[in-house]
C-alpha atoms as a PDB file:
ATOM      1  CA  MET A   1     110.954  87.857  87.511  1.00  0.00           C
ATOM      2  CA  GLY A   2     109.208  88.346  90.826  1.00  0.00           C
ATOM      3  CA  PHE A   3     109.926  90.665  93.706  1.00  0.00           C
ATOM      4  CA  LYS A   4     111.341  87.900  95.897  1.00  0.00           C
ATOM      5  CA  ASN A   5     113.699  86.687  93.185  1.00  0.00           C
ATOM      6  CA  ILE A   6     115.115  90.163  92.640  1.00  0.00           C
ATOM      7  CA  PHE A   7     115.632  90.816  96.333  1.00  0.00           C
ATOM      8  CA  SER A   8     116.374  87.313  97.543  1.00  0.00           C
ATOM      9  CA  THR A   9     119.348  88.537  99.592  1.00  0.00           C
ATOM     10  CA  SER A  10     117.212  90.682 101.903  1.00  0.00           C
ATOM     11  CA  SER A  11     115.687  89.627 105.177  1.00  0.00           C
ATOM     12  CA  ASN A  12     112.469  87.722 104.604  1.00  0.00           C
ATOM     13  CA  ASN A  13     110.696  89.620 107.365  1.00  0.00           C
ATOM     14  CA  ILE A  14     111.668  93.036 105.994  1.00  0.00           C
ATOM     15  CA  LEU A  15     110.891  91.886 102.470  1.00  0.00           C
ATOM     16  CA  GLU A  16     107.400  90.751 103.397  1.00  0.00           C
ATOM     17  CA  ARG A  17     106.620  93.964 105.277  1.00  0.00           C
ATOM     18  CA  ASN A  18     107.983  96.119 102.471  1.00  0.00           C
ATOM     19  CA  MET A  19     106.079  94.104  99.878  1.00  0.00           C
ATOM     20  CA  GLU A  20     102.789  94.551 101.710  1.00  0.00           C
ATOM     21  CA  LEU A  21     103.251  98.316 102.055  1.00  0.00           C
ATOM     22  CA  LEU A  22     104.309  98.776  98.439  1.00  0.00           C
ATOM     23  CA  GLU A  23     101.364  96.760  97.138  1.00  0.00           C
ATOM     24  CA  GLU A  24      98.940  98.670  99.368  1.00  0.00           C
ATOM     25  CA  ASN A  25     100.272 101.938  97.947  1.00  0.00           C
ATOM     26  CA  ASP A  26     100.275 100.771  94.304  1.00  0.00           C
ATOM     27  CA  LEU A  27     104.065 100.975  94.052  1.00  0.00           C
ATOM     28  CA  VAL A  28     104.691  97.511  92.610  1.00  0.00           C
ATOM     29  CA  ASN A  29     104.614  96.935  88.849  1.00  0.00           C
ATOM     30  CA  ILE A  30     103.130  93.939  87.028  1.00  0.00           C
ATOM     31  CA  PHE A  31     106.457  92.088  87.245  1.00  0.00           C
ATOM     32  CA  GLY A  32     106.500  92.317  91.040  1.00  0.00           C
ATOM     33  CA  SER A  33     109.260  94.939  91.238  1.00  0.00           C
ATOM     34  CA  PRO A  34     109.030  98.239  93.145  1.00  0.00           C
ATOM     35  CA  ASN A  35     108.345 101.402  91.186  1.00  0.00           C
ATOM     36  CA  LYS A  36     111.543 102.943  89.771  1.00  0.00           C
ATOM     37  CA  LEU A  37     110.661 106.410  91.031  1.00  0.00           C
ATOM     38  CA  PHE A  38     110.255 105.049  94.532  1.00  0.00           C
ATOM     39  CA  LEU A  39     113.662 103.343  94.291  1.00  0.00           C
ATOM     40  CA  LYS A  40     115.122 106.671  93.173  1.00  0.00           C
ATOM     41  CA  PHE A  41     113.499 108.303  96.200  1.00  0.00           C
ATOM     42  CA  MET A  42     114.973 105.644  98.494  1.00  0.00           C
ATOM     43  CA  GLU A  43     118.433 106.252  97.045  1.00  0.00           C
ATOM     44  CA  SER A  44     118.107 109.983  97.727  1.00  0.00           C
ATOM     45  CA  LYS A  45     117.533 109.070 101.386  1.00  0.00           C
ATOM     46  CA  ASN A  46     120.592 106.795 101.388  1.00  0.00           C
ATOM     47  CA  LEU A  47     118.304 103.846 102.066  1.00  0.00           C
ATOM     48  CA  ASP A  48     118.421 100.386 100.533  1.00  0.00           C
ATOM     49  CA  ILE A  49     115.114  98.636  99.968  1.00  0.00           C
ATOM     50  CA  THR A  50     116.736  95.253 100.494  1.00  0.00           C
ATOM     51  CA  VAL A  51     117.841  96.000 104.064  1.00  0.00           C
ATOM     52  CA  ASP A  52     115.931  99.055 105.317  1.00  0.00           C
ATOM     53  CA  GLU A  53     112.346  98.777 106.439  1.00  0.00           C
ATOM     54  CA  ILE A  54     109.880 101.052 104.642  1.00  0.00           C
ATOM     55  CA  THR A  55     107.837 103.109 107.089  1.00  0.00           C
ATOM     56  CA  GLU A  56     104.502 104.861 106.725  1.00  0.00           C
ATOM     57  CA  GLU A  57     106.331 108.164 107.319  1.00  0.00           C
ATOM     58  CA  LEU A  58     108.640 107.424 104.405  1.00  0.00           C
ATOM     59  CA  LEU A  59     105.684 106.629 102.164  1.00  0.00           C
ATOM     60  CA  ASP A  60     103.951 109.859 103.231  1.00  0.00           C
ATOM     61  CA  GLU A  61     107.068 111.816 102.327  1.00  0.00           C
ATOM     62  CA  PHE A  62     107.218 110.131  98.930  1.00  0.00           C
ATOM     63  CA  GLU A  63     103.515 110.886  98.365  1.00  0.00           C
ATOM     64  CA  SER A  64     104.245 114.606  98.663  1.00  0.00           C
ATOM     65  CA  SER A  65     107.379 114.491  96.483  1.00  0.00           C
ATOM     66  CA  LEU A  66     107.513 115.813  92.932  1.00  0.00           C
ATOM     67  CA  ASP A  67     108.276 112.346  91.545  1.00  0.00           C
ATOM     68  CA  SER A  68     105.133 110.939  93.150  1.00  0.00           C
ATOM     69  CA  ILE A  69     102.985 113.807  91.860  1.00  0.00           C
ATOM     70  CA  ASN A  70     104.340 113.316  88.337  1.00  0.00           C
ATOM     71  CA  LEU A  71     103.680 109.576  88.631  1.00  0.00           C
ATOM     72  CA  LYS A  72     100.051 110.204  89.604  1.00  0.00           C
ATOM     73  CA  GLN A  73      99.561 112.696  86.778  1.00  0.00           C
ATOM     74  CA  THR A  74     100.954 110.199  84.268  1.00  0.00           C
ATOM     75  CA  LYS A  75      98.570 107.498  85.501  1.00  0.00           C
ATOM     76  CA  ILE A  76      95.621 109.899  85.358  1.00  0.00           C
ATOM     77  CA  GLN A  77      96.512 110.976  81.818  1.00  0.00           C
ATOM     78  CA  LYS A  78      96.753 107.359  80.626  1.00  0.00           C
ATOM     79  CA  GLU A  79      93.392 106.556  82.209  1.00  0.00           C
ATOM     80  CA  LYS A  80      91.810 109.661  80.638  1.00  0.00           C
ATOM     81  CA  GLN A  81      93.084 108.559  77.222  1.00  0.00           C
ATOM     82  CA  HIS A  82      91.657 105.069  77.777  1.00  0.00           C
ATOM     83  CA  ILE A  83      88.237 106.378  78.828  1.00  0.00           C
ATOM     84  CA  PHE A  84      88.231 108.924  76.010  1.00  0.00           C
ATOM     85  CA  LYS A  85      89.034 106.227  73.454  1.00  0.00           C
ATOM     86  CA  GLN A  86      86.334 103.903  74.786  1.00  0.00           C
ATOM     87  CA  ARG A  87      83.837 106.800  75.151  1.00  0.00           C
ATOM     88  CA  LYS A  88      82.286 105.033  78.135  1.00  0.00           C
ATOM     89  CA  VAL A  89      83.061 103.913  81.675  1.00  0.00           C
ATOM     90  CA  TRP A  90      81.494 101.270  83.937  1.00  0.00           C
ATOM     91  CA  ILE A  91      79.506 102.626  86.886  1.00  0.00           C
ATOM     92  CA  ASN A  92      77.062 101.417  89.541  1.00  0.00           C
ATOM     93  CA  ILE A  93      73.744 103.219  89.960  1.00  0.00           C
ATOM     94  CA  LEU A  94      71.136 102.790  92.694  1.00  0.00           C
ATOM     95  CA  GLU A  95      67.963 101.146  91.402  1.00  0.00           C
ATOM     96  CA  ASP A  96      65.240  99.895  93.763  1.00  0.00           C
ATOM     97  CA  ASP A  97      67.670 100.234  96.701  1.00  0.00           C
ATOM     98  CA  GLU A  98      70.230  98.028  94.938  1.00  0.00           C
ATOM     99  CA  LEU A  99      73.437  98.892  93.097  1.00  0.00           C
ATOM    100  CA  VAL A 100      73.205  97.945  89.426  1.00  0.00           C
ATOM    101  CA  GLY A 101      76.058  98.074  86.917  1.00  0.00           C
ATOM    102  CA  THR A 102      75.792  99.968  83.632  1.00  0.00           C
ATOM    103  CA  ASP A 103      77.818 102.084  81.195  1.00  0.00           C
ATOM    104  CA  LEU A 104      78.161 105.832  81.462  1.00  0.00           C
ATOM    105  CA  ILE A 105      78.480 106.967  77.852  1.00  0.00           C
ATOM    106  CA  LEU A 106      80.318 110.173  76.942  1.00  0.00           C
ATOM    107  CA  ASP A 107      78.723 112.004  74.011  1.00  0.00           C
ATOM    108  CA  PHE A 108      79.946 115.213  72.373  1.00  0.00           C
ATOM    109  CA  ASP A 109      77.225 117.253  74.115  1.00  0.00           C
ATOM    110  CA  GLY A 110      76.659 115.352  77.375  1.00  0.00           C
ATOM    111  CA  ILE A 111      76.639 112.009  79.200  1.00  0.00           C
ATOM    112  CA  THR A 112      74.083 109.195  79.111  1.00  0.00           C
ATOM    113  CA  VAL A 113      73.409 106.405  81.605  1.00  0.00           C
ATOM    114  CA  ASP A 114      72.965 103.420  79.318  1.00  0.00           C
ATOM    115  CA  LYS A 115      70.566 101.416  81.504  1.00  0.00           C
ATOM    116  CA  THR A 116      68.117 104.248  82.241  1.00  0.00           C
ATOM    117  CA  ASN A 117      68.788 106.314  79.110  1.00  0.00           C
ATOM    118  CA  GLN A 118      69.096 109.375  81.377  1.00  0.00           C
ATOM    119  CA  LYS A 119      71.038 112.125  79.654  1.00  0.00           C
ATOM    120  CA  ILE A 120      72.628 115.236  81.146  1.00  0.00           C
ATOM    121  CA  LEU A 121      74.071 117.910  78.881  1.00  0.00           C
ATOM    122  CA  TYR A 122      77.430 119.433  79.793  1.00  0.00           C
ATOM    123  CA  CYS A 123      75.847 122.890  79.694  1.00  0.00           C
ATOM    124  CA  GLU A 124      73.376 121.791  82.410  1.00  0.00           C
ATOM    125  CA  MET A 125      76.062 120.678  84.871  1.00  0.00           C
ATOM    126  CA  LYS A 126      76.628 123.007  87.820  1.00  0.00           C
ATOM    127  CA  GLN A 127      79.031 121.095  90.049  1.00  0.00           C
ATOM    128  CA  ILE A 128      80.903 117.782  90.166  1.00  0.00           C
ATOM    129  CA  GLY A 129      81.885 116.122  93.438  1.00  0.00           C
ATOM    130  CA  ILE A 130      83.800 112.991  94.427  1.00  0.00           C
ATOM    131  CA  SER A 131      83.845 111.319  97.825  1.00  0.00           C
ATOM    132  CA  GLU A 132      84.654 107.887  99.263  1.00  0.00           C
ATOM    133  CA  GLY A 133      82.163 105.197  98.324  1.00  0.00           C
ATOM    134  CA  GLY A 134      82.074 101.444  98.762  1.00  0.00           C
ATOM    135  CA  TRP A 135      85.044  99.091  98.567  1.00  0.00           C
ATOM    136  CA  SER A 136      87.529 100.418  95.960  1.00  0.00           C
ATOM    137  CA  LYS A 137      84.808 102.779  94.725  1.00  0.00           C
ATOM    138  CA  ASN A 138      84.233 106.518  94.752  1.00  0.00           C
ATOM    139  CA  ARG A 139      80.859 108.235  95.022  1.00  0.00           C
ATOM    140  CA  PHE A 140      80.407 110.551  92.046  1.00  0.00           C
ATOM    141  CA  VAL A 141      77.824 113.358  92.112  1.00  0.00           C
ATOM    142  CA  ILE A 142      76.903 115.600  89.168  1.00  0.00           C
ATOM    143  CA  GLU A 143      74.623 118.461  90.182  1.00  0.00           C
ATOM    144  CA  THR A 144      72.339 120.221  87.730  1.00  0.00           C
ATOM    145  CA  GLY A 145      69.688 122.890  88.086  1.00  0.00           C
ATOM    146  CA  ASP A 146      67.002 120.179  88.240  1.00  0.00           C
ATOM    147  CA  GLY A 147      68.668 117.641  90.545  1.00  0.00           C
ATOM    148  CA  GLU A 148      71.691 115.392  90.576  1.00  0.00           C
ATOM    149  CA  LEU A 149      73.096 112.181  89.154  1.00  0.00           C
ATOM    150  CA  VAL A 150      74.750 109.943  91.761  1.00  0.00           C
ATOM    151  CA  PHE A 151      76.730 106.803  90.985  1.00  0.00           C
ATOM    152  CA  GLU A 152      79.739 104.774  92.104  1.00  0.00           C
ATOM    153  CA  ILE A 153      82.837 104.312  89.989  1.00  0.00           C
ATOM    154  CA  ASN A 154      86.191 102.573  90.423  1.00  0.00           C
ATOM    155  CA  GLU A 155      88.379 104.987  92.376  1.00  0.00           C
ATOM    156  CA  ASN A 156      91.189 104.978  89.811  1.00  0.00           C
ATOM    157  CA  ARG A 157      88.753 106.254  87.177  1.00  0.00           C
ATOM    158  CA  ALA A 158      86.952 108.895  89.240  1.00  0.00           C
ATOM    159  CA  ILE A 159      89.493 111.714  88.836  1.00  0.00           C
ATOM    160  CA  PRO A 160      90.112 111.077  85.098  1.00  0.00           C
ATOM    161  CA  LEU A 161      86.355 111.064  84.426  1.00  0.00           C
ATOM    162  CA  LYS A 162      85.906 114.296  86.398  1.00  0.00           C
ATOM    163  CA  GLU A 163      88.643 115.968  84.356  1.00  0.00           C
ATOM    164  CA  ILE A 164      87.154 114.753  81.061  1.00  0.00           C
ATOM    165  CA  ILE A 165      83.697 116.080  81.955  1.00  0.00           C
ATOM    166  CA  GLU A 166      85.123 119.412  83.151  1.00  0.00           C
ATOM    167  CA  ASP A 167      87.061 119.754  79.883  1.00  0.00           C
ATOM    168  CA  ASN A 168      83.870 119.082  77.921  1.00  0.00           C
ATOM    169  CA  ILE A 169      81.923 121.612  80.004  1.00  0.00           C
ATOM    170  CA  GLU A 170      84.563 124.227  79.180  1.00  0.00           C
ATOM    171  CA  ASN A 171      84.422 123.297  75.486  1.00  0.00           C
ATOM    172  CA  GLN A 172      80.638 123.820  75.464  1.00  0.00           C
ATOM    173  CA  THR A 173      80.970 127.382  76.775  1.00  0.00           C
ATOM    174  CA  HIS A 174      83.998 128.278  74.645  1.00  0.00           C
ATOM    175  CA  ASP A 175      82.850 130.571  71.820  1.00  0.00           C
ATOM    176  CA  GLU A 176      84.379 132.539  68.964  1.00  0.00           C
ATOM    177  CA  LEU A 177      85.336 135.457  71.212  1.00  0.00           C
ATOM    178  CA  ASP A 178      87.245 133.104  73.532  1.00  0.00           C
ATOM    179  CA  ASP A 179      89.126 131.705  70.545  1.00  0.00           C
ATOM    180  CA  LEU A 180      90.073 135.197  69.390  1.00  0.00           C
ATOM    181  CA  LEU A 181      91.253 136.247  72.866  1.00  0.00           C
ATOM    182  CA  ASP A 182      93.360 133.092  73.157  1.00  0.00           C
ATOM    183  CA  LEU A 183      94.817 133.757  69.721  1.00  0.00           C
ATOM    184  CA  TYR A 184      95.670 137.373  70.536  1.00  0.00           C
ATOM    185  CA  GLY A 185      97.320 136.171  73.731  1.00  0.00           C
ATOM    186  CA  LEU A 186      99.578 133.775  71.817  1.00  0.00           C
ATOM    187  CA  TYR A 187     100.507 136.523  69.354  1.00  0.00           C
ATOM    188  CA  GLU A 188     101.236 139.105  72.085  1.00  0.00           C
ATOM    189  CA  GLU A 189     103.459 136.599  73.900  1.00  0.00           C
ATOM    190  CA  GLY A 190     105.416 136.013  70.695  1.00  0.00           C
ATOM    191  CA  LYS A 191     104.463 132.342  70.523  1.00  0.00           C
ATOM    192  CA  ILE A 192     103.124 132.578  66.950  1.00  0.00           C
ATOM    193  CA  SER A 193     104.157 134.684  63.945  1.00  0.00           C
ATOM    194  CA  SER A 194     101.990 137.374  62.374  1.00  0.00           C
ATOM    195  CA  GLU A 195     101.392 135.065  59.386  1.00  0.00           C
ATOM    196  CA  GLU A 196     100.198 132.233  61.628  1.00  0.00           C
ATOM    197  CA  PHE A 197      98.092 134.717  63.586  1.00  0.00           C
ATOM    198  CA  GLU A 198      96.273 135.881  60.446  1.00  0.00           C
ATOM    199  CA  ALA A 199      95.818 132.305  59.204  1.00  0.00           C
ATOM    200  CA  ARG A 200      94.285 131.151  62.505  1.00  0.00           C
ATOM    201  CA  LYS A 201      92.073 134.239  62.690  1.00  0.00           C
ATOM    202  CA  ALA A 202      90.745 133.470  59.197  1.00  0.00           C
ATOM    203  CA  ILE A 203      89.877 129.958  60.385  1.00  0.00           C
ATOM    204  CA  ILE A 204      87.903 131.352  63.341  1.00  0.00           C
ATOM    205  CA  TYR A 205      85.865 133.656  61.103  1.00  0.00           C
ATOM    206  CA  SER A 206      85.374 131.046  58.394  1.00  0.00           C
ATOM    207  CA  ASP A 207      82.098 129.184  57.942  1.00  0.00           C
ATOM    208  CA  GLU A 208      84.137 126.044  57.336  1.00  0.00           C
ATOM    209  CA  ARG A 209      84.939 123.843  60.334  1.00  0.00           C
ATOM    210  CA  TYR A 210      88.557 123.342  61.336  1.00  0.00           C
ATOM    211  CA  CYS A 211      90.225 121.504  64.183  1.00  0.00           C
ATOM    212  CA  THR A 212      91.185 123.994  66.895  1.00  0.00           C
ATOM    213  CA  ASN A 213      94.118 121.787  67.839  1.00  0.00           C
ATOM    214  CA  CYS A 214      95.886 121.252  64.504  1.00  0.00           C
ATOM    215  CA  GLY A 215      93.910 123.323  61.947  1.00  0.00           C
ATOM    216  CA  PHE A 216      92.831 120.340  59.820  1.00  0.00           C
ATOM    217  CA  LYS A 217      89.647 120.979  57.777  1.00  0.00           C
ATOM    218  CA  LEU A 218      86.722 118.958  59.132  1.00  0.00           C
ATOM    219  CA  ASP A 219      83.599 117.464  57.631  1.00  0.00           C
ATOM    220  CA  SER A 220      80.343 119.038  58.805  1.00  0.00           C
ATOM    221  CA  ASP A 221      79.436 116.029  60.987  1.00  0.00           C
ATOM    222  CA  SER A 222      82.901 115.328  62.456  1.00  0.00           C
ATOM    223  CA  LEU A 223      83.044 114.720  66.203  1.00  0.00           C
ATOM    224  CA  PHE A 224      86.801 114.065  66.194  1.00  0.00           C
ATOM    225  CA  CYS A 225      89.602 115.394  64.042  1.00  0.00           C
ATOM    226  CA  PRO A 226      90.757 112.625  61.640  1.00  0.00           C
ATOM    227  CA  GLU A 227      94.244 114.138  61.653  1.00  0.00           C
ATOM    228  CA  CYS A 228      95.066 114.424  65.386  1.00  0.00           C
ATOM    229  CA  GLY A 229      92.063 112.803  67.160  1.00  0.00           C
ATOM    230  CA  HIS A 230      91.082 116.012  69.008  1.00  0.00           C
ATOM    231  CA  GLU A 231      87.402 116.207  70.013  1.00  0.00           C
ATOM    232  CA  VAL A 232      85.561 119.016  68.221  1.00  0.00           C
ATOM    233  CA  SER A 233      82.269 120.653  69.090  1.00  0.00           C
ATOM    234  CA  ASN A 234      79.402 121.280  66.689  1.00  0.00           C
END
């Protein structure tokens, strides 16, 4: 059922203006209805979307609201899961002064540009930046000690990719001492029992490989935990 069918009683002029603003701000779902959180926000303002015109000021206020922030975080998390599952994302790189499409492949130890076979290890990355690029694109820059990798990526995937890479960078520098400190912190805060503390500590000191997320015993060549899907480092 489309937007116009649901709100057929409203003024056509207001409906068209509201529809344009909602679509521009990604607040219309695939069925053509306004986002439920935005409707909830409108109700809190004692406004009715069928008769009251949506203003830019109202949208700005919603953008800064907790509901909007939670909505964005949910979208980012879903996109991160999608990218993580695919292990690659489509990007545009500059080649001979022209933008050329290719895959950016996420490996356990770094990223690889499929077309050029250029690889950058997570441990080599110094800084990651995002800025506005071309139409519906963001300019993505990964700086290393030897230079930088620059490419364009769909704007809705820029932030999730940045967060994935930053998580992987942290995983590369996370060692046994970090694991022990984290474990002691959980025990001191009373979040785990003494028995669980000793069991997890034994896992850290063991030569066997275990998932740091669920404790499942891993094969020597595992990149992901077969029990919970968590990425593991070698």
